Amino acid sequence: MLLIGVKEEKGWLASKWQLTYPVGWQRICKAANSAYDYYDNLEILIDNVKVDLSSKNDLLKLEEGGAMTIRGMSKIIRVPLMITFF
């Protein structure tokens, strides 16, 4: 990944990254599935609409959208963390 830039927005530090190669929706779902266990109070949004999940494997079955956001409290760095895939 390449770091495009970093800026502060409404009290949040926002960084923009670009993947070094294109990925499809299934890869985005797999990335969210892999990150699932590293969040407390995880929320998933597809095109800014919250999705209800009964298990982390439901992530692999989501209908394709324009963007997927995963957000919640990071168990690793212990701060709120939000990642959006386009």
PDB file of N, CA and C in Angstrom:
ATOM      1  N   MET A   1       0.839  -1.176   0.000  1.00  0.00           N
ATOM      2  CA  MET A   1       0.000   0.000   0.000  1.00  0.00           C
ATOM      3  C   MET A   1       0.880   1.234   0.000  1.00  0.00           C
ATOM      4  N   LEU A   2       0.354   2.255  -0.618  1.00  0.00           N
ATOM      5  CA  LEU A   2       1.054   3.534  -0.672  1.00  0.00           C
ATOM      6  C   LEU A   2       0.277   4.571   0.123  1.00  0.00           C
ATOM      7  N   LEU A   3       0.956   5.294   0.996  1.00  0.00           N
ATOM      8  CA  LEU A   3       0.324   6.362   1.763  1.00  0.00           C
ATOM      9  C   LEU A   3       0.164   7.577   0.860  1.00  0.00           C
ATOM     10  N   ILE A   4      -1.083   8.003   0.674  1.00  0.00           N
ATOM     11  CA  ILE A   4      -1.386   9.157  -0.178  1.00  0.00           C
ATOM     12  C   ILE A   4      -1.322  10.451   0.631  1.00  0.00           C
ATOM     13  N   GLY A   5      -1.842  10.422   1.864  1.00  0.00           N
ATOM     14  CA  GLY A   5      -1.818  11.619   2.690  1.00  0.00           C
ATOM     15  C   GLY A   5      -2.459  11.391   4.048  1.00  0.00           C
ATOM     16  N   VAL A   6      -2.228  12.335   4.963  1.00  0.00           N
ATOM     17  CA  VAL A   6      -2.781  12.300   6.312  1.00  0.00           C
ATOM     18  C   VAL A   6      -3.292  13.693   6.639  1.00  0.00           C
ATOM     19  N   LYS A   7      -4.506  13.759   7.252  1.00  0.00           N
ATOM     20  CA  LYS A   7      -5.035  15.048   7.696  1.00  0.00           C
ATOM     21  C   LYS A   7      -5.965  14.819   8.877  1.00  0.00           C
ATOM     22  N   GLU A   8      -6.226  15.900   9.626  1.00  0.00           N
ATOM     23  CA  GLU A   8      -7.147  15.837  10.756  1.00  0.00           C
ATOM     24  C   GLU A   8      -8.517  16.289  10.295  1.00  0.00           C
ATOM     25  N   GLU A   9      -9.541  15.516  10.650  1.00  0.00           N
ATOM     26  CA  GLU A   9     -10.920  15.829  10.297  1.00  0.00           C
ATOM     27  C   GLU A   9     -11.808  15.650  11.527  1.00  0.00           C
ATOM     28  N   LYS A  10     -12.334  16.731  12.044  1.00  0.00           N
ATOM     29  CA  LYS A  10     -13.283  16.685  13.170  1.00  0.00           C
ATOM     30  C   LYS A  10     -12.752  15.857  14.339  1.00  0.00           C
ATOM     31  N   GLY A  11     -11.492  16.083  14.692  1.00  0.00           N
ATOM     32  CA  GLY A  11     -10.908  15.377  15.823  1.00  0.00           C
ATOM     33  C   GLY A  11     -10.363  13.997  15.495  1.00  0.00           C
ATOM     34  N   TRP A  12     -10.516  13.534  14.264  1.00  0.00           N
ATOM     35  CA  TRP A  12     -10.004  12.236  13.830  1.00  0.00           C
ATOM     36  C   TRP A  12      -8.774  12.457  12.969  1.00  0.00           C
ATOM     37  N   LEU A  13      -7.836  11.554  13.072  1.00  0.00           N
ATOM     38  CA  LEU A  13      -6.696  11.548  12.171  1.00  0.00           C
ATOM     39  C   LEU A  13      -7.065  10.635  11.009  1.00  0.00           C
ATOM     40  N   ALA A  14      -7.122  11.172   9.799  1.00  0.00           N
ATOM     41  CA  ALA A  14      -7.532  10.408   8.622  1.00  0.00           C
ATOM     42  C   ALA A  14      -6.343  10.228   7.694  1.00  0.00           C
ATOM     43  N   SER A  15      -6.086   8.987   7.325  1.00  0.00           N
ATOM     44  CA  SER A  15      -5.028   8.716   6.357  1.00  0.00           C
ATOM     45  C   SER A  15      -5.654   8.047   5.143  1.00  0.00           C
ATOM     46  N   LYS A  16      -5.125   8.366   3.999  1.00  0.00           N
ATOM     47  CA  LYS A  16      -5.628   7.799   2.744  1.00  0.00           C
ATOM     48  C   LYS A  16      -4.519   6.948   2.139  1.00  0.00           C
ATOM     49  N   TRP A  17      -4.868   5.714   1.804  1.00  0.00           N
ATOM     50  CA  TRP A  17      -3.924   4.747   1.265  1.00  0.00           C
ATOM     51  C   TRP A  17      -4.428   4.256  -0.086  1.00  0.00           C
ATOM     52  N   GLN A  18      -3.523   3.850  -0.923  1.00  0.00           N
ATOM     53  CA  GLN A  18      -3.889   3.247  -2.204  1.00  0.00           C
ATOM     54  C   GLN A  18      -3.207   1.891  -2.292  1.00  0.00           C
ATOM     55  N   LEU A  19      -3.996   0.876  -2.633  1.00  0.00           N
ATOM     56  CA  LEU A  19      -3.411  -0.446  -2.806  1.00  0.00           C
ATOM     57  C   LEU A  19      -2.501  -0.449  -4.021  1.00  0.00           C
ATOM     58  N   THR A  20      -1.500  -1.280  -3.998  1.00  0.00           N
ATOM     59  CA  THR A  20      -0.563  -1.328  -5.119  1.00  0.00           C
ATOM     60  C   THR A  20      -1.109  -2.149  -6.290  1.00  0.00           C
ATOM     61  N   TYR A  21      -2.233  -2.824  -6.064  1.00  0.00           N
ATOM     62  CA  TYR A  21      -2.905  -3.550  -7.146  1.00  0.00           C
ATOM     63  C   TYR A  21      -4.407  -3.570  -6.840  1.00  0.00           C
ATOM     64  N   PRO A  22      -5.248  -3.635  -7.866  1.00  0.00           N
ATOM     65  CA  PRO A  22      -6.699  -3.616  -7.628  1.00  0.00           C
ATOM     66  C   PRO A  22      -7.189  -4.926  -6.999  1.00  0.00           C
ATOM     67  N   VAL A  23      -8.225  -4.816  -6.175  1.00  0.00           N
ATOM     68  CA  VAL A  23      -8.843  -5.991  -5.563  1.00  0.00           C
ATOM     69  C   VAL A  23     -10.357  -5.916  -5.765  1.00  0.00           C
ATOM     70  N   GLY A  24     -10.989  -7.067  -5.771  1.00  0.00           N
ATOM     71  CA  GLY A  24     -12.431  -7.150  -5.937  1.00  0.00           C
ATOM     72  C   GLY A  24     -13.160  -7.197  -4.605  1.00  0.00           C
ATOM     73  N   TRP A  25     -14.478  -7.254  -4.677  1.00  0.00           N
ATOM     74  CA  TRP A  25     -15.333  -7.245  -3.498  1.00  0.00           C
ATOM     75  C   TRP A  25     -15.037  -8.420  -2.564  1.00  0.00           C
ATOM     76  N   GLN A  26     -14.783  -9.601  -3.111  1.00  0.00           N
ATOM     77  CA  GLN A  26     -14.515 -10.768  -2.270  1.00  0.00           C
ATOM     78  C   GLN A  26     -13.261 -10.569  -1.418  1.00  0.00           C
ATOM     79  N   ARG A  27     -12.256  -9.923  -1.965  1.00  0.00           N
ATOM     80  CA  ARG A  27     -11.038  -9.648  -1.197  1.00  0.00           C
ATOM     81  C   ARG A  27     -11.311  -8.637  -0.090  1.00  0.00           C
ATOM     82  N   ILE A  28     -12.157  -7.661  -0.357  1.00  0.00           N
ATOM     83  CA  ILE A  28     -12.534  -6.686   0.669  1.00  0.00           C
ATOM     84  C   ILE A  28     -13.277  -7.403   1.800  1.00  0.00           C
ATOM     85  N   CYS A  29     -14.188  -8.297   1.444  1.00  0.00           N
ATOM     86  CA  CYS A  29     -14.921  -9.062   2.457  1.00  0.00           C
ATOM     87  C   CYS A  29     -13.971  -9.935   3.285  1.00  0.00           C
ATOM     88  N   LYS A  30     -12.990 -10.538   2.626  1.00  0.00           N
ATOM     89  CA  LYS A  30     -12.008 -11.357   3.347  1.00  0.00           C
ATOM     90  C   LYS A  30     -11.157 -10.506   4.284  1.00  0.00           C
ATOM     91  N   ALA A  31     -10.811  -9.300   3.858  1.00  0.00           N
ATOM     92  CA  ALA A  31     -10.027  -8.400   4.715  1.00  0.00           C
ATOM     93  C   ALA A  31     -10.823  -8.030   5.964  1.00  0.00           C
ATOM     94  N   ALA A  32     -12.101  -7.694   5.794  1.00  0.00           N
ATOM     95  CA  ALA A  32     -12.955  -7.364   6.942  1.00  0.00           C
ATOM     96  C   ALA A  32     -13.124  -8.575   7.852  1.00  0.00           C
ATOM     97  N   ASN A  33     -13.256  -9.761   7.260  1.00  0.00           N
ATOM     98  CA  ASN A  33     -13.387 -10.991   8.032  1.00  0.00           C
ATOM     99  C   ASN A  33     -12.131 -11.227   8.868  1.00  0.00           C
ATOM    100  N   SER A  34     -10.970 -10.971   8.297  1.00  0.00           N
ATOM    101  CA  SER A  34      -9.707 -11.149   9.020  1.00  0.00           C
ATOM    102  C   SER A  34      -9.557 -10.150  10.160  1.00  0.00           C
ATOM    103  N   ALA A  35     -10.061  -8.933   9.977  1.00  0.00           N
ATOM    104  CA  ALA A  35      -9.943  -7.881  10.995  1.00  0.00           C
ATOM    105  C   ALA A  35     -10.970  -8.026  12.118  1.00  0.00           C
ATOM    106  N   TYR A  36     -12.008  -8.787  11.896  1.00  0.00           N
ATOM    107  CA  TYR A  36     -13.151  -8.916  12.815  1.00  0.00           C
ATOM    108  C   TYR A  36     -12.721  -9.167  14.262  1.00  0.00           C
ATOM    109  N   ASP A  37     -11.801 -10.068  14.481  1.00  0.00           N
ATOM    110  CA  ASP A  37     -11.393 -10.461  15.836  1.00  0.00           C
ATOM    111  C   ASP A  37     -10.543  -9.414  16.544  1.00  0.00           C
ATOM    112  N   TYR A  38     -10.123  -8.385  15.844  1.00  0.00           N
ATOM    113  CA  TYR A  38      -9.258  -7.354  16.433  1.00  0.00           C
ATOM    114  C   TYR A  38     -10.029  -6.102  16.847  1.00  0.00           C
ATOM    115  N   TYR A  39     -11.355  -6.186  16.850  1.00  0.00           N
ATOM    116  CA  TYR A  39     -12.223  -5.072  17.226  1.00  0.00           C
ATOM    117  C   TYR A  39     -13.174  -5.483  18.342  1.00  0.00           C
ATOM    118  N   ASP A  40     -13.476  -4.535  19.225  1.00  0.00           N
ATOM    119  CA  ASP A  40     -14.609  -4.649  20.142  1.00  0.00           C
ATOM    120  C   ASP A  40     -15.701  -3.754  19.582  1.00  0.00           C
ATOM    121  N   ASN A  41     -16.947  -4.141  19.779  1.00  0.00           N
ATOM    122  CA  ASN A  41     -18.097  -3.356  19.316  1.00  0.00           C
ATOM    123  C   ASN A  41     -17.995  -3.044  17.820  1.00  0.00           C
ATOM    124  N   LEU A  42     -17.651  -4.051  17.037  1.00  0.00           N
ATOM    125  CA  LEU A  42     -17.471  -3.893  15.595  1.00  0.00           C
ATOM    126  C   LEU A  42     -18.778  -3.563  14.895  1.00  0.00           C
ATOM    127  N   GLU A  43     -18.704  -2.626  13.984  1.00  0.00           N
ATOM    128  CA  GLU A  43     -19.829  -2.310  13.098  1.00  0.00           C
ATOM    129  C   GLU A  43     -19.333  -2.386  11.665  1.00  0.00           C
ATOM    130  N   ILE A  44     -20.199  -2.892  10.803  1.00  0.00           N
ATOM    131  CA  ILE A  44     -19.916  -2.957   9.367  1.00  0.00           C
ATOM    132  C   ILE A  44     -20.966  -2.111   8.660  1.00  0.00           C
ATOM    133  N   LEU A  45     -20.504  -1.265   7.758  1.00  0.00           N
ATOM    134  CA  LEU A  45     -21.406  -0.454   6.950  1.00  0.00           C
ATOM    135  C   LEU A  45     -21.121  -0.715   5.478  1.00  0.00           C
ATOM    136  N   ILE A  46     -22.172  -0.878   4.710  1.00  0.00           N
ATOM    137  CA  ILE A  46     -22.057  -0.967   3.256  1.00  0.00           C
ATOM    138  C   ILE A  46     -22.722   0.277   2.705  1.00  0.00           C
ATOM    139  N   ASP A  47     -21.964   1.080   1.983  1.00  0.00           N
ATOM    140  CA  ASP A  47     -22.458   2.355   1.452  1.00  0.00           C
ATOM    141  C   ASP A  47     -23.130   3.188   2.544  1.00  0.00           C
ATOM    142  N   ASN A  48     -22.470   3.249   3.712  1.00  0.00           N
ATOM    143  CA  ASN A  48     -22.890   4.030   4.886  1.00  0.00           C
ATOM    144  C   ASN A  48     -24.174   3.542   5.542  1.00  0.00           C
ATOM    145  N   VAL A  49     -24.574   2.299   5.279  1.00  0.00           N
ATOM    146  CA  VAL A  49     -25.741   1.695   5.920  1.00  0.00           C
ATOM    147  C   VAL A  49     -25.247   0.525   6.769  1.00  0.00           C
ATOM    148  N   LYS A  50     -25.576   0.556   8.077  1.00  0.00           N
ATOM    149  CA  LYS A  50     -25.117  -0.486   8.994  1.00  0.00           C
ATOM    150  C   LYS A  50     -25.726  -1.835   8.615  1.00  0.00           C
ATOM    151  N   VAL A  51     -24.888  -2.871   8.668  1.00  0.00           N
ATOM    152  CA  VAL A  51     -25.289  -4.235   8.344  1.00  0.00           C
ATOM    153  C   VAL A  51     -25.309  -5.046   9.633  1.00  0.00           C
ATOM    154  N   ASP A  52     -26.389  -5.808   9.851  1.00  0.00           N
ATOM    155  CA  ASP A  52     -26.467  -6.679  11.020  1.00  0.00           C
ATOM    156  C   ASP A  52     -25.832  -8.020  10.672  1.00  0.00           C
ATOM    157  N   LEU A  53     -24.905  -8.463  11.514  1.00  0.00           N
ATOM    158  CA  LEU A  53     -24.218  -9.728  11.315  1.00  0.00           C
ATOM    159  C   LEU A  53     -24.492 -10.641  12.488  1.00  0.00           C
ATOM    160  N   SER A  54     -24.698 -11.934  12.209  1.00  0.00           N
ATOM    161  CA  SER A  54     -24.852 -12.887  13.310  1.00  0.00           C
ATOM    162  C   SER A  54     -23.533 -13.589  13.608  1.00  0.00           C
ATOM    163  N   SER A  55     -22.596 -13.565  12.653  1.00  0.00           N
ATOM    164  CA  SER A  55     -21.263 -14.124  12.871  1.00  0.00           C
ATOM    165  C   SER A  55     -20.290 -13.472  11.896  1.00  0.00           C
ATOM    166  N   LYS A  56     -19.004 -13.656  12.138  1.00  0.00           N
ATOM    167  CA  LYS A  56     -18.016 -13.048  11.250  1.00  0.00           C
ATOM    168  C   LYS A  56     -18.051 -13.662   9.860  1.00  0.00           C
ATOM    169  N   ASN A  57     -18.510 -14.893   9.733  1.00  0.00           N
ATOM    170  CA  ASN A  57     -18.598 -15.529   8.418  1.00  0.00           C
ATOM    171  C   ASN A  57     -19.669 -14.894   7.538  1.00  0.00           C
ATOM    172  N   ASP A  58     -20.608 -14.155   8.143  1.00  0.00           N
ATOM    173  CA  ASP A  58     -21.598 -13.421   7.347  1.00  0.00           C
ATOM    174  C   ASP A  58     -20.934 -12.373   6.462  1.00  0.00           C
ATOM    175  N   LEU A  59     -19.748 -11.917   6.857  1.00  0.00           N
ATOM    176  CA  LEU A  59     -19.014 -10.929   6.058  1.00  0.00           C
ATOM    177  C   LEU A  59     -18.699 -11.464   4.664  1.00  0.00           C
ATOM    178  N   LEU A  60     -18.472 -12.755   4.561  1.00  0.00           N
ATOM    179  CA  LEU A  60     -18.096 -13.349   3.284  1.00  0.00           C
ATOM    180  C   LEU A  60     -19.283 -13.494   2.337  1.00  0.00           C
ATOM    181  N   LYS A  61     -20.493 -13.226   2.831  1.00  0.00           N
ATOM    182  CA  LYS A  61     -21.706 -13.395   2.029  1.00  0.00           C
ATOM    183  C   LYS A  61     -22.388 -12.069   1.682  1.00  0.00           C
ATOM    184  N   LEU A  62     -21.758 -10.950   2.010  1.00  0.00           N
ATOM    185  CA  LEU A  62     -22.395  -9.654   1.798  1.00  0.00           C
ATOM    186  C   LEU A  62     -22.495  -9.302   0.318  1.00  0.00           C
ATOM    187  N   GLU A  63     -23.620  -8.686  -0.035  1.00  0.00           N
ATOM    188  CA  GLU A  63     -23.818  -8.218  -1.406  1.00  0.00           C
ATOM    189  C   GLU A  63     -22.839  -7.089  -1.702  1.00  0.00           C
ATOM    190  N   GLU A  64     -22.372  -7.029  -2.925  1.00  0.00           N
ATOM    191  CA  GLU A  64     -21.401  -6.015  -3.306  1.00  0.00           C
ATOM    192  C   GLU A  64     -21.993  -4.619  -3.224  1.00  0.00           C
ATOM    193  N   GLY A  65     -21.175  -3.689  -2.761  1.00  0.00           N
ATOM    194  CA  GLY A  65     -21.555  -2.289  -2.678  1.00  0.00           C
ATOM    195  C   GLY A  65     -20.415  -1.424  -3.178  1.00  0.00           C
ATOM    196  N   GLY A  66     -20.590  -0.140  -3.059  1.00  0.00           N
ATOM    197  CA  GLY A  66     -19.551   0.783  -3.495  1.00  0.00           C
ATOM    198  C   GLY A  66     -18.436   0.931  -2.486  1.00  0.00           C
ATOM    199  N   ALA A  67     -18.763   0.786  -1.186  1.00  0.00           N
ATOM    200  CA  ALA A  67     -17.770   0.939  -0.132  1.00  0.00           C
ATOM    201  C   ALA A  67     -18.163   0.103   1.079  1.00  0.00           C
ATOM    202  N   MET A  68     -17.174  -0.414   1.768  1.00  0.00           N
ATOM    203  CA  MET A  68     -17.395  -1.133   3.027  1.00  0.00           C
ATOM    204  C   MET A  68     -16.565  -0.445   4.099  1.00  0.00           C
ATOM    205  N   THR A  69     -17.213  -0.152   5.223  1.00  0.00           N
ATOM    206  CA  THR A  69     -16.533   0.450   6.363  1.00  0.00           C
ATOM    207  C   THR A  69     -16.582  -0.522   7.526  1.00  0.00           C
ATOM    208  N   ILE A  70     -15.444  -0.730   8.166  1.00  0.00           N
ATOM    209  CA  ILE A  70     -15.400  -1.478   9.411  1.00  0.00           C
ATOM    210  C   ILE A  70     -14.942  -0.496  10.479  1.00  0.00           C
ATOM    211  N   ARG A  71     -15.638  -0.506  11.622  1.00  0.00           N
ATOM    212  CA  ARG A  71     -15.282   0.435  12.685  1.00  0.00           C
ATOM    213  C   ARG A  71     -15.610  -0.155  14.040  1.00  0.00           C
ATOM    214  N   GLY A  72     -14.903   0.339  15.026  1.00  0.00           N
ATOM    215  CA  GLY A  72     -15.089  -0.112  16.398  1.00  0.00           C
ATOM    216  C   GLY A  72     -13.857   0.234  17.207  1.00  0.00           C
ATOM    217  N   MET A  73     -13.756  -0.365  18.378  1.00  0.00           N
ATOM    218  CA  MET A  73     -12.618  -0.130  19.257  1.00  0.00           C
ATOM    219  C   MET A  73     -11.534  -1.161  18.954  1.00  0.00           C
ATOM    220  N   SER A  74     -10.364  -0.681  18.561  1.00  0.00           N
ATOM    221  CA  SER A  74      -9.251  -1.578  18.260  1.00  0.00           C
ATOM    222  C   SER A  74      -8.761  -2.245  19.532  1.00  0.00           C
ATOM    223  N   LYS A  75      -8.656  -3.558  19.510  1.00  0.00           N
ATOM    224  CA  LYS A  75      -8.114  -4.296  20.648  1.00  0.00           C
ATOM    225  C   LYS A  75      -6.601  -4.147  20.732  1.00  0.00           C
ATOM    226  N   ILE A  76      -5.969  -3.769  19.636  1.00  0.00           N
ATOM    227  CA  ILE A  76      -4.514  -3.679  19.584  1.00  0.00           C
ATOM    228  C   ILE A  76      -4.021  -2.327  20.090  1.00  0.00           C
ATOM    229  N   ILE A  77      -4.533  -1.244  19.513  1.00  0.00           N
ATOM    230  CA  ILE A  77      -4.050   0.082  19.908  1.00  0.00           C
ATOM    231  C   ILE A  77      -5.001   0.795  20.866  1.00  0.00           C
ATOM    232  N   ARG A  78      -6.134   0.158  21.166  1.00  0.00           N
ATOM    233  CA  ARG A  78      -7.097   0.617  22.178  1.00  0.00           C
ATOM    234  C   ARG A  78      -7.620   2.030  21.930  1.00  0.00           C
ATOM    235  N   VAL A  79      -7.938   2.301  20.688  1.00  0.00           N
ATOM    236  CA  VAL A  79      -8.579   3.557  20.293  1.00  0.00           C
ATOM    237  C   VAL A  79      -9.638   3.220  19.250  1.00  0.00           C
ATOM    238  N   PRO A  80     -10.650   4.097  19.069  1.00  0.00           N
ATOM    239  CA  PRO A  80     -11.609   3.863  17.994  1.00  0.00           C
ATOM    240  C   PRO A  80     -10.889   3.891  16.649  1.00  0.00           C
ATOM    241  N   LEU A  81     -11.235   2.945  15.796  1.00  0.00           N
ATOM    242  CA  LEU A  81     -10.573   2.827  14.497  1.00  0.00           C
ATOM    243  C   LEU A  81     -11.613   2.533  13.428  1.00  0.00           C
ATOM    244  N   MET A  82     -11.520   3.256  12.321  1.00  0.00           N
ATOM    245  CA  MET A  82     -12.460   3.058  11.214  1.00  0.00           C
ATOM    246  C   MET A  82     -11.657   2.925   9.920  1.00  0.00           C
ATOM    247  N   ILE A  83     -11.979   1.901   9.135  1.00  0.00           N
ATOM    248  CA  ILE A  83     -11.329   1.676   7.841  1.00  0.00           C
ATOM    249  C   ILE A  83     -12.424   1.575   6.794  1.00  0.00           C
ATOM    250  N   THR A  84     -12.278   2.314   5.704  1.00  0.00           N
ATOM    251  CA  THR A  84     -13.235   2.247   4.598  1.00  0.00           C
ATOM    252  C   THR A  84     -12.518   1.755   3.350  1.00  0.00           C
ATOM    253  N   PHE A  85     -13.083   0.733   2.739  1.00  0.00           N
ATOM    254  CA  PHE A  85     -12.579   0.182   1.479  1.00  0.00           C
ATOM    255  C   PHE A  85     -13.503   0.645   0.362  1.00  0.00           C
ATOM    256  N   PHE A  86     -12.931   1.163  -0.726  1.00  0.00           N
ATOM    257  CA  PHE A  86     -13.723   1.591  -1.878  1.00  0.00           C
ATOM    258  C   PHE A  86     -13.479   0.649  -3.034  1.00  0.00           C
TER     259      PHE A  86
END
